[in-house]
Protein backbone atom coordinates (compact mmCIF):
# COMPACT_ATOMS: atom_id res chain seq x y z
CA MET A 1 1.90 145.20 42.99
CA MET A 2 3.16 147.88 45.17
CA VAL A 3 1.69 148.63 48.51
CA PHE A 4 1.52 151.82 50.28
CA TRP A 5 0.95 152.42 54.07
CA VAL A 6 -0.37 155.29 56.19
CA TYR A 7 0.86 154.92 59.73
CA ILE A 8 0.57 156.78 63.05
CA LEU A 9 3.52 156.73 65.78
CA GLU A 10 3.00 157.65 69.30
CA CYS A 11 6.07 159.50 70.32
CA ALA A 12 7.67 159.52 73.65
CA ASP A 13 6.01 162.93 74.50
CA LYS A 14 2.54 161.07 73.53
CA SER A 15 2.09 163.23 70.45
CA TYR A 16 1.32 161.46 67.17
CA TYR A 17 3.22 161.56 63.98
CA ILE A 18 1.17 160.70 60.96
CA GLY A 19 3.07 159.53 57.66
CA HIS A 20 3.02 157.29 54.41
CA THR A 21 5.50 155.04 53.00
CA ASP A 22 5.89 152.19 50.44
CA ASN A 23 7.93 150.20 52.97
CA LEU A 24 6.58 150.29 56.51
CA GLU A 25 9.33 148.28 58.07
CA LYS A 26 12.13 150.28 56.55
CA ARG A 27 10.55 153.49 57.68
CA LEU A 28 9.82 152.53 61.08
CA TYR A 29 13.56 151.39 61.47
CA GLU A 30 14.68 154.83 60.09
CA HIS A 31 12.42 156.66 62.70
CA GLU A 32 13.67 154.53 65.44
CA GLN A 33 17.34 155.03 64.28
CA ASN A 34 16.75 158.79 63.97
CA LEU A 35 18.10 158.50 60.32
CA PHE A 36 16.27 161.46 59.04
CA LYS A 37 15.77 164.72 60.83
CA CYS A 38 11.83 165.08 61.31
CA TYR A 39 9.16 165.68 63.92
CA THR A 40 10.14 162.43 65.69
CA SER A 41 13.86 163.10 65.90
CA LYS A 42 13.47 164.81 69.23
CA ARG A 43 10.58 162.61 70.45
CA LEU A 44 12.14 159.16 70.53
CA PRO A 45 11.34 156.41 71.32
CA VAL A 46 8.30 155.95 68.94
CA ARG A 47 5.82 153.32 68.78
CA LEU A 48 3.62 152.23 65.83
CA VAL A 49 -0.06 152.45 67.02
CA TYR A 50 -1.84 152.37 63.62
CA SER A 51 -1.15 151.30 60.05
CA CYS A 52 -3.38 150.92 56.89
CA GLU A 53 -2.39 149.82 53.53
CA PHE A 54 -3.46 151.54 49.95
CA GLU A 55 -2.94 150.47 46.55
CA THR A 56 -1.77 153.81 45.40
CA ARG A 57 0.61 156.47 46.69
CA GLU A 58 -2.04 158.99 46.02
CA ASP A 59 -4.70 157.45 48.18
CA ALA A 60 -2.25 156.98 51.02
CA LEU A 61 -1.19 160.57 50.79
CA ALA A 62 -4.85 161.66 50.81
CA ARG A 63 -5.48 159.57 53.89
CA GLU A 64 -2.32 161.03 55.63
CA ARG A 65 -3.38 164.48 54.90
CA GLN A 66 -7.07 163.67 56.02
CA ILE A 67 -5.79 162.15 59.35
CA LYS A 68 -3.53 165.05 60.24
CA GLY A 69 -6.51 167.34 60.08
CA TRP A 70 -8.36 165.36 62.65
CA SER A 71 -8.67 166.19 66.24
CA ARG A 72 -6.51 164.10 68.78
CA ARG A 73 -9.66 162.25 70.12
CA LYS A 74 -10.70 161.29 66.54
CA LYS A 75 -7.07 159.94 65.95
CA GLN A 76 -7.29 158.12 69.30
CA ALA A 77 -10.58 156.54 68.15
CA LEU A 78 -9.18 155.47 64.78
CA ILE A 79 -6.29 153.91 66.68
CA ALA A 80 -8.41 152.05 69.12
CA GLY A 81 -10.70 150.89 66.22
CA ASP A 82 -13.44 152.52 68.33
CA TRP A 83 -15.84 153.12 65.34
CA SER A 84 -18.93 154.45 67.09
CA SER A 85 -16.79 157.15 68.57
CA LEU A 86 -15.18 157.82 65.27
CA VAL A 87 -18.67 158.29 63.82
CA ASP A 88 -19.59 160.68 66.62
CA TYR A 89 -16.56 162.73 66.40
CA SER A 90 -16.92 162.85 62.56
CA LYS A 91 -20.08 164.68 62.99
CA GLY A 92 -18.03 167.39 64.66
CA ARG A 93 -18.91 171.01 64.71
CA ALA A 94 -21.92 170.72 62.29
CA ASN A 95 -23.98 168.31 64.73
CA HIS A 96 -25.98 166.99 61.79
CA PRO A 97 -28.48 164.14 62.82
CA SER A 98 -27.55 160.77 61.73
CA THR A 99 -29.89 159.30 59.24
CA GLY A 100 -28.65 155.82 60.09
CA SER A 101 -28.04 154.75 56.66
CA GLY A 102 -25.08 154.68 54.38
CA ARG A 103 -22.58 154.58 57.61
CA THR A 104 -19.84 151.95 57.05
CA GLU A 105 -16.25 151.61 58.38
CA GLU A 106 -14.94 152.75 54.90
CA ASN A 107 -16.87 155.91 54.26
CA LEU A 108 -16.05 157.42 57.76
CA PHE A 109 -12.90 158.62 56.13
CA LEU A 110 -15.04 160.74 53.78
CA GLU A 111 -16.01 163.19 56.38
């Protein structure tokens, strides 16, 4: 079974790069060795700060796109594994009151 990864790199300028791949080790090496001209090329060195595996490329790509749309502080909460802050930041601009039901780590990503 093939595994796909979503990953976040912290660049030398403290910005984040979010990507997905089917070979995390190889892709990190490619970033570190500047083998592809992309966002990280002028922001080396990079450091892996988060990764999560998925069963399909479609799921990984969907999560990558989702995380790219998040605020910096929400990305930092994800990286830190700070689920309560991630919940708070997920409430975002709408400021909906929490019902306290149905909130799990996995469904945080649905928002």
